[in-house]
Amino acid sequence: MNVGCPEGTGWLSSWQKVPYAGSLDIDAGVPFMVDERAFYLKRSLPVKAVCVGESVFTYHEVAGDREGNRRLAIDKRALADFRYLGAVTIVLPKPVLTPGADFRLTAIEEHDEGMSALLELEKTGQVIAFRAPLNFKR
């Protein structure tokens, strides 16, 4: 669920106690913790994270298309205060990632042309590398 994140940073597991955060919407979801601070995305769908330097990339699958391609929404946030820095949606073609396959991003690297990432299929351990043009704010 959390890859490369420092100790005390990342999404809480469902078994961990969620810290008190005052009045919350029912769909607040599980918080992303940075030390003792809890940040909520107000969505209950499963979101995963990859920490890279001073940034955290949160990602989740969004609705696919009629051809069976899957779409992955990736947000970039500042690790120190979870401030939103930008987003992108990646289309993962059906031959690369079949519907229903569980996956996680294991690495993300930004460069001038965009980003490179490694996607690991959880059942088989197969790793898929991809590149995508991104225009995240810097």
N, C-alpha and C. Protein backbone atom coordinates (compact mmCIF):
# COMPACT_ATOMS: atom_id res chain seq x y z
N MET A 1 0.81 -1.18 0.00
CA MET A 1 0.00 0.00 0.00
C MET A 1 0.87 1.26 0.00
N ASN A 2 1.97 1.26 0.74
CA ASN A 2 2.91 2.38 0.79
C ASN A 2 4.29 1.88 0.37
N VAL A 3 4.84 2.46 -0.68
CA VAL A 3 6.15 2.04 -1.18
C VAL A 3 7.13 3.18 -0.99
N GLY A 4 8.26 2.90 -0.36
CA GLY A 4 9.34 3.88 -0.23
C GLY A 4 9.06 5.01 0.74
N CYS A 5 8.02 4.90 1.55
CA CYS A 5 7.67 5.98 2.47
C CYS A 5 8.43 5.83 3.79
N PRO A 6 8.85 6.95 4.37
CA PRO A 6 9.56 6.90 5.65
C PRO A 6 8.68 6.32 6.76
N GLU A 7 9.30 5.89 7.82
CA GLU A 7 8.59 5.38 8.99
C GLU A 7 7.58 6.42 9.47
N GLY A 8 6.36 5.98 9.76
CA GLY A 8 5.32 6.88 10.24
C GLY A 8 4.62 7.67 9.15
N THR A 9 4.91 7.33 7.88
CA THR A 9 4.32 8.04 6.76
C THR A 9 3.61 7.05 5.85
N GLY A 10 2.38 7.35 5.46
CA GLY A 10 1.65 6.51 4.52
C GLY A 10 0.23 6.26 4.95
N TRP A 11 -0.48 5.47 4.15
CA TRP A 11 -1.86 5.13 4.46
C TRP A 11 -1.88 4.18 5.63
N LEU A 12 -2.82 4.39 6.53
CA LEU A 12 -3.01 3.45 7.62
C LEU A 12 -3.61 2.17 7.06
N SER A 13 -3.26 1.05 7.66
CA SER A 13 -3.91 -0.22 7.32
C SER A 13 -5.28 -0.24 7.98
N SER A 14 -6.15 -1.08 7.47
CA SER A 14 -7.51 -1.13 8.01
C SER A 14 -7.53 -1.53 9.48
N TRP A 15 -6.50 -2.22 9.96
CA TRP A 15 -6.48 -2.67 11.36
C TRP A 15 -5.91 -1.61 12.30
N GLN A 16 -5.29 -0.55 11.76
CA GLN A 16 -4.71 0.47 12.61
C GLN A 16 -5.77 1.47 13.07
N LYS A 17 -5.59 2.01 14.25
CA LYS A 17 -6.54 2.98 14.80
C LYS A 17 -6.40 4.30 14.06
N VAL A 18 -7.53 4.80 13.57
CA VAL A 18 -7.54 6.09 12.88
C VAL A 18 -7.56 7.18 13.94
N PRO A 19 -6.63 8.15 13.86
CA PRO A 19 -6.60 9.21 14.87
C PRO A 19 -7.85 10.09 14.80
N TYR A 20 -8.21 10.65 15.95
CA TYR A 20 -9.37 11.54 15.99
C TYR A 20 -9.11 12.75 15.13
N ALA A 21 -10.07 13.10 14.30
CA ALA A 21 -9.89 14.25 13.40
C ALA A 21 -11.12 15.15 13.41
N GLY A 22 -11.88 15.14 14.49
CA GLY A 22 -13.05 16.00 14.56
C GLY A 22 -14.18 15.43 13.75
N SER A 23 -15.06 16.28 13.29
CA SER A 23 -16.22 15.86 12.52
C SER A 23 -15.80 15.54 11.08
N LEU A 24 -16.07 14.32 10.65
CA LEU A 24 -15.68 13.89 9.31
C LEU A 24 -16.89 13.41 8.54
N ASP A 25 -16.86 13.56 7.22
CA ASP A 25 -17.88 12.96 6.38
C ASP A 25 -17.75 11.45 6.49
N ILE A 26 -18.83 10.73 6.25
CA ILE A 26 -18.80 9.27 6.31
C ILE A 26 -17.84 8.69 5.28
N ASP A 27 -17.60 9.41 4.15
CA ASP A 27 -16.71 8.92 3.10
C ASP A 27 -15.29 9.47 3.23
N ALA A 28 -14.89 9.88 4.41
CA ALA A 28 -13.56 10.46 4.57
C ALA A 28 -12.47 9.47 4.23
N GLY A 29 -12.72 8.19 4.43
CA GLY A 29 -11.73 7.18 4.11
C GLY A 29 -10.65 7.08 5.18
N VAL A 30 -9.58 6.40 4.84
CA VAL A 30 -8.46 6.18 5.75
C VAL A 30 -7.46 7.33 5.54
N PRO A 31 -6.87 7.84 6.62
CA PRO A 31 -5.95 8.97 6.44
C PRO A 31 -4.56 8.56 5.94
N PHE A 32 -3.90 9.52 5.30
CA PHE A 32 -2.49 9.40 4.97
C PHE A 32 -1.76 10.09 6.11
N MET A 33 -0.90 9.36 6.78
CA MET A 33 -0.21 9.89 7.95
C MET A 33 1.17 10.42 7.58
N VAL A 34 1.49 11.58 8.09
CA VAL A 34 2.85 12.13 8.02
C VAL A 34 3.19 12.44 9.47
N ASP A 35 4.00 11.57 10.06
CA ASP A 35 4.28 11.61 11.50
C ASP A 35 2.95 11.51 12.25
N GLU A 36 2.57 12.51 13.02
CA GLU A 36 1.32 12.46 13.80
C GLU A 36 0.16 13.17 13.10
N ARG A 37 0.40 13.73 11.91
CA ARG A 37 -0.65 14.46 11.21
C ARG A 37 -1.39 13.54 10.25
N ALA A 38 -2.73 13.66 10.22
CA ALA A 38 -3.57 12.83 9.36
C ALA A 38 -4.17 13.69 8.26
N PHE A 39 -4.04 13.23 7.01
CA PHE A 39 -4.60 13.93 5.85
C PHE A 39 -5.62 13.02 5.19
N TYR A 40 -6.79 13.56 4.89
CA TYR A 40 -7.88 12.79 4.31
C TYR A 40 -8.18 13.25 2.90
N LEU A 41 -8.42 12.30 2.00
CA LEU A 41 -8.77 12.63 0.63
C LEU A 41 -10.29 12.66 0.41
N LYS A 42 -11.06 12.31 1.42
CA LYS A 42 -12.52 12.27 1.33
C LYS A 42 -13.00 11.35 0.22
N ARG A 43 -12.36 10.23 0.11
CA ARG A 43 -12.84 9.19 -0.80
C ARG A 43 -12.55 7.85 -0.16
N SER A 44 -13.45 6.93 -0.34
CA SER A 44 -13.29 5.65 0.34
C SER A 44 -12.66 4.59 -0.56
N LEU A 45 -12.44 4.90 -1.83
CA LEU A 45 -11.84 3.89 -2.71
C LEU A 45 -10.39 3.66 -2.34
N PRO A 46 -9.88 2.48 -2.63
CA PRO A 46 -8.49 2.18 -2.26
C PRO A 46 -7.50 3.05 -3.02
N VAL A 47 -6.63 3.68 -2.28
CA VAL A 47 -5.58 4.52 -2.86
C VAL A 47 -4.26 4.00 -2.32
N LYS A 48 -3.27 3.93 -3.19
CA LYS A 48 -1.94 3.47 -2.80
C LYS A 48 -0.97 4.63 -2.94
N ALA A 49 0.25 4.48 -2.42
CA ALA A 49 1.20 5.58 -2.45
C ALA A 49 2.62 5.09 -2.73
N VAL A 50 3.37 5.95 -3.43
CA VAL A 50 4.80 5.76 -3.64
C VAL A 50 5.47 7.06 -3.23
N CYS A 51 6.37 6.99 -2.25
CA CYS A 51 7.11 8.16 -1.81
C CYS A 51 8.43 8.23 -2.58
N VAL A 52 8.73 9.42 -3.10
CA VAL A 52 9.95 9.65 -3.85
C VAL A 52 10.51 11.00 -3.39
N GLY A 53 11.60 10.97 -2.65
CA GLY A 53 12.21 12.21 -2.17
C GLY A 53 11.23 13.01 -1.34
N GLU A 54 10.97 14.24 -1.74
CA GLU A 54 10.08 15.14 -1.01
C GLU A 54 8.64 15.06 -1.51
N SER A 55 8.35 14.09 -2.37
CA SER A 55 7.01 13.96 -2.95
C SER A 55 6.39 12.61 -2.61
N VAL A 56 5.07 12.59 -2.67
CA VAL A 56 4.34 11.33 -2.57
C VAL A 56 3.38 11.29 -3.76
N PHE A 57 3.39 10.17 -4.46
CA PHE A 57 2.48 9.95 -5.58
C PHE A 57 1.40 9.01 -5.10
N THR A 58 0.16 9.49 -5.03
CA THR A 58 -0.96 8.63 -4.67
C THR A 58 -1.62 8.19 -5.96
N TYR A 59 -2.12 6.97 -5.99
CA TYR A 59 -2.72 6.48 -7.23
C TYR A 59 -3.85 5.52 -6.93
N HIS A 60 -4.77 5.46 -7.87
CA HIS A 60 -5.89 4.53 -7.78
C HIS A 60 -6.43 4.31 -9.19
N GLU A 61 -7.09 3.19 -9.35
CA GLU A 61 -7.69 2.86 -10.64
C GLU A 61 -9.00 3.60 -10.79
N VAL A 62 -9.24 4.14 -11.98
CA VAL A 62 -10.51 4.77 -12.30
C VAL A 62 -11.18 3.96 -13.40
N ALA A 63 -12.41 4.26 -13.71
CA ALA A 63 -13.17 3.47 -14.70
C ALA A 63 -12.39 3.27 -15.99
N GLY A 64 -12.46 2.05 -16.50
CA GLY A 64 -11.79 1.72 -17.76
C GLY A 64 -12.66 2.09 -18.94
N ASP A 65 -12.26 1.65 -20.12
CA ASP A 65 -13.05 1.94 -21.31
C ASP A 65 -13.69 0.67 -21.86
N ARG A 66 -14.42 0.80 -22.93
CA ARG A 66 -15.15 -0.34 -23.51
C ARG A 66 -14.24 -1.43 -24.05
N GLU A 67 -13.03 -1.06 -24.42
CA GLU A 67 -12.09 -2.06 -24.96
C GLU A 67 -11.41 -2.86 -23.86
N GLY A 68 -11.65 -2.52 -22.61
CA GLY A 68 -11.03 -3.26 -21.51
C GLY A 68 -9.72 -2.67 -21.03
N ASN A 69 -9.34 -1.51 -21.55
CA ASN A 69 -8.15 -0.84 -21.06
C ASN A 69 -8.44 -0.31 -19.65
N ARG A 70 -7.42 -0.26 -18.83
CA ARG A 70 -7.57 0.26 -17.47
C ARG A 70 -6.94 1.63 -17.38
N ARG A 71 -7.45 2.46 -16.47
CA ARG A 71 -6.92 3.81 -16.30
C ARG A 71 -6.46 3.98 -14.86
N LEU A 72 -5.32 4.62 -14.73
CA LEU A 72 -4.70 4.83 -13.44
C LEU A 72 -4.56 6.33 -13.21
N ALA A 73 -5.20 6.86 -12.16
CA ALA A 73 -5.08 8.27 -11.80
C ALA A 73 -3.93 8.42 -10.80
N ILE A 74 -2.99 9.31 -11.09
CA ILE A 74 -1.84 9.54 -10.23
C ILE A 74 -1.83 11.01 -9.83
N ASP A 75 -1.79 11.26 -8.52
CA ASP A 75 -1.66 12.62 -7.99
C ASP A 75 -0.28 12.78 -7.39
N LYS A 76 0.30 13.96 -7.57
CA LYS A 76 1.57 14.27 -6.92
C LYS A 76 1.28 15.25 -5.79
N ARG A 77 1.84 14.95 -4.61
CA ARG A 77 1.64 15.80 -3.44
C ARG A 77 2.99 16.01 -2.74
N ALA A 78 3.10 17.12 -2.03
CA ALA A 78 4.29 17.37 -1.23
C ALA A 78 4.25 16.46 0.00
N LEU A 79 5.32 15.77 0.27
CA LEU A 79 5.34 14.83 1.38
C LEU A 79 5.24 15.54 2.73
N ALA A 80 5.79 16.72 2.86
CA ALA A 80 5.81 17.41 4.15
C ALA A 80 4.42 17.80 4.63
N ASP A 81 3.55 18.27 3.70
CA ASP A 81 2.24 18.77 4.12
C ASP A 81 1.09 18.23 3.28
N PHE A 82 1.36 17.25 2.43
CA PHE A 82 0.35 16.59 1.59
C PHE A 82 -0.33 17.57 0.62
N ARG A 83 0.33 18.69 0.35
CA ARG A 83 -0.20 19.70 -0.57
C ARG A 83 -0.26 19.14 -1.99
N TYR A 84 -1.38 19.37 -2.66
CA TYR A 84 -1.60 18.90 -4.03
C TYR A 84 -0.68 19.66 -4.99
N LEU A 85 0.03 18.93 -5.86
CA LEU A 85 0.95 19.54 -6.82
C LEU A 85 0.58 19.28 -8.27
N GLY A 86 -0.28 18.31 -8.54
CA GLY A 86 -0.67 18.02 -9.91
C GLY A 86 -1.17 16.60 -10.06
N ALA A 87 -1.67 16.29 -11.26
CA ALA A 87 -2.24 14.96 -11.49
C ALA A 87 -2.12 14.58 -12.96
N VAL A 88 -2.26 13.29 -13.20
CA VAL A 88 -2.27 12.76 -14.56
C VAL A 88 -3.04 11.44 -14.53
N THR A 89 -3.65 11.09 -15.66
CA THR A 89 -4.30 9.79 -15.80
C THR A 89 -3.57 9.01 -16.88
N ILE A 90 -3.19 7.79 -16.57
CA ILE A 90 -2.45 6.93 -17.49
C ILE A 90 -3.41 5.83 -17.98
N VAL A 91 -3.40 5.56 -19.28
CA VAL A 91 -4.18 4.45 -19.84
C VAL A 91 -3.26 3.24 -19.94
N LEU A 92 -3.69 2.15 -19.33
CA LEU A 92 -2.93 0.90 -19.36
C LEU A 92 -3.63 -0.05 -20.32
N PRO A 93 -3.08 -0.25 -21.52
CA PRO A 93 -3.76 -1.07 -22.53
C PRO A 93 -4.03 -2.49 -22.05
N LYS A 94 -5.14 -3.04 -22.52
CA LYS A 94 -5.60 -4.37 -22.11
C LYS A 94 -4.53 -5.46 -22.25
N PRO A 95 -3.78 -5.49 -23.32
CA PRO A 95 -2.78 -6.57 -23.38
C PRO A 95 -1.72 -6.45 -22.28
N VAL A 96 -1.49 -5.23 -21.80
CA VAL A 96 -0.48 -5.02 -20.76
C VAL A 96 -1.03 -5.39 -19.39
N LEU A 97 -2.26 -4.99 -19.12
CA LEU A 97 -2.84 -5.20 -17.80
C LEU A 97 -4.30 -5.60 -17.96
N THR A 98 -4.59 -6.86 -17.73
CA THR A 98 -5.95 -7.36 -17.92
C THR A 98 -6.86 -6.90 -16.78
N PRO A 99 -8.12 -6.70 -17.06
CA PRO A 99 -9.06 -6.30 -16.01
C PRO A 99 -9.05 -7.32 -14.86
N GLY A 100 -9.07 -6.79 -13.64
CA GLY A 100 -9.09 -7.66 -12.46
C GLY A 100 -7.72 -7.98 -11.89
N ALA A 101 -6.65 -7.71 -12.64
CA ALA A 101 -5.31 -7.99 -12.14
C ALA A 101 -4.93 -6.97 -11.07
N ASP A 102 -4.45 -7.46 -9.92
CA ASP A 102 -3.99 -6.56 -8.87
C ASP A 102 -2.58 -6.12 -9.19
N PHE A 103 -2.30 -4.84 -8.95
CA PHE A 103 -0.99 -4.30 -9.26
C PHE A 103 -0.63 -3.22 -8.26
N ARG A 104 0.65 -2.84 -8.27
CA ARG A 104 1.11 -1.72 -7.48
C ARG A 104 2.29 -1.08 -8.19
N LEU A 105 2.44 0.21 -8.02
CA LEU A 105 3.61 0.90 -8.53
C LEU A 105 4.73 0.71 -7.52
N THR A 106 5.89 0.31 -7.99
CA THR A 106 7.00 0.07 -7.07
C THR A 106 8.08 1.14 -7.17
N ALA A 107 8.03 1.98 -8.21
CA ALA A 107 9.00 3.05 -8.36
C ALA A 107 8.46 4.09 -9.34
N ILE A 108 8.77 5.34 -9.06
CA ILE A 108 8.44 6.43 -9.98
C ILE A 108 9.65 7.34 -10.03
N GLU A 109 9.99 7.76 -11.24
CA GLU A 109 11.10 8.69 -11.42
C GLU A 109 10.66 9.79 -12.38
N GLU A 110 10.84 11.03 -11.98
CA GLU A 110 10.51 12.16 -12.85
C GLU A 110 11.74 12.58 -13.62
N HIS A 111 11.54 13.01 -14.85
CA HIS A 111 12.62 13.54 -15.66
C HIS A 111 12.03 14.59 -16.59
N ASP A 112 12.87 15.24 -17.39
CA ASP A 112 12.40 16.34 -18.24
C ASP A 112 11.29 15.93 -19.20
N GLU A 113 11.30 14.71 -19.67
CA GLU A 113 10.29 14.25 -20.64
C GLU A 113 9.01 13.78 -19.97
N GLY A 114 8.99 13.67 -18.65
CA GLY A 114 7.80 13.18 -17.96
C GLY A 114 8.17 12.31 -16.79
N MET A 115 7.68 11.09 -16.81
CA MET A 115 7.97 10.17 -15.72
C MET A 115 8.20 8.76 -16.24
N SER A 116 8.92 7.98 -15.47
CA SER A 116 9.08 6.55 -15.71
C SER A 116 8.58 5.86 -14.45
N ALA A 117 7.98 4.72 -14.61
CA ALA A 117 7.46 4.00 -13.45
C ALA A 117 7.55 2.50 -13.67
N LEU A 118 7.57 1.77 -12.56
CA LEU A 118 7.52 0.32 -12.59
C LEU A 118 6.22 -0.11 -11.96
N LEU A 119 5.51 -0.97 -12.65
CA LEU A 119 4.24 -1.51 -12.19
C LEU A 119 4.43 -3.00 -11.99
N GLU A 120 4.11 -3.50 -10.82
CA GLU A 120 4.28 -4.92 -10.52
C GLU A 120 2.93 -5.59 -10.38
N LEU A 121 2.76 -6.71 -11.11
CA LEU A 121 1.55 -7.52 -10.97
C LEU A 121 1.70 -8.35 -9.71
N GLU A 122 0.77 -8.21 -8.78
CA GLU A 122 0.94 -8.82 -7.47
C GLU A 122 0.89 -10.34 -7.49
N LYS A 123 0.09 -10.94 -8.36
CA LYS A 123 -0.01 -12.41 -8.40
C LYS A 123 1.23 -13.06 -8.98
N THR A 124 1.73 -12.51 -10.08
CA THR A 124 2.82 -13.16 -10.79
C THR A 124 4.19 -12.56 -10.48
N GLY A 125 4.22 -11.33 -9.95
CA GLY A 125 5.49 -10.66 -9.71
C GLY A 125 6.08 -10.04 -10.96
N GLN A 126 5.37 -10.16 -12.10
CA GLN A 126 5.85 -9.57 -13.35
C GLN A 126 5.92 -8.05 -13.19
N VAL A 127 7.01 -7.46 -13.69
CA VAL A 127 7.20 -6.01 -13.60
C VAL A 127 7.10 -5.42 -15.01
N ILE A 128 6.30 -4.36 -15.11
CA ILE A 128 6.10 -3.67 -16.38
C ILE A 128 6.62 -2.24 -16.21
N ALA A 129 7.52 -1.83 -17.09
CA ALA A 129 8.05 -0.47 -17.06
C ALA A 129 7.27 0.37 -18.07
N PHE A 130 6.95 1.60 -17.68
CA PHE A 130 6.30 2.50 -18.64
C PHE A 130 6.79 3.92 -18.43
N ARG A 131 6.63 4.70 -19.47
CA ARG A 131 6.98 6.13 -19.46
C ARG A 131 5.73 6.89 -19.83
N ALA A 132 5.58 8.08 -19.27
CA ALA A 132 4.42 8.90 -19.58
C ALA A 132 4.81 10.36 -19.54
N PRO A 133 4.28 11.14 -20.48
CA PRO A 133 4.53 12.58 -20.42
C PRO A 133 3.68 13.18 -19.30
N LEU A 134 4.30 13.94 -18.42
CA LEU A 134 3.59 14.56 -17.31
C LEU A 134 3.88 16.04 -17.27
N ASN A 135 2.95 16.78 -16.81
CA ASN A 135 3.14 18.21 -16.63
C ASN A 135 2.84 18.59 -15.20
N PHE A 136 3.41 17.84 -14.25
CA PHE A 136 3.24 18.18 -12.84
C PHE A 136 3.89 19.53 -12.60
N LYS A 137 3.31 20.31 -11.72
CA LYS A 137 3.95 21.56 -11.30
C LYS A 137 5.22 21.19 -10.55
N ARG A 138 6.24 22.00 -10.68
CA ARG A 138 7.50 21.73 -9.95
C ARG A 138 7.76 22.82 -8.95
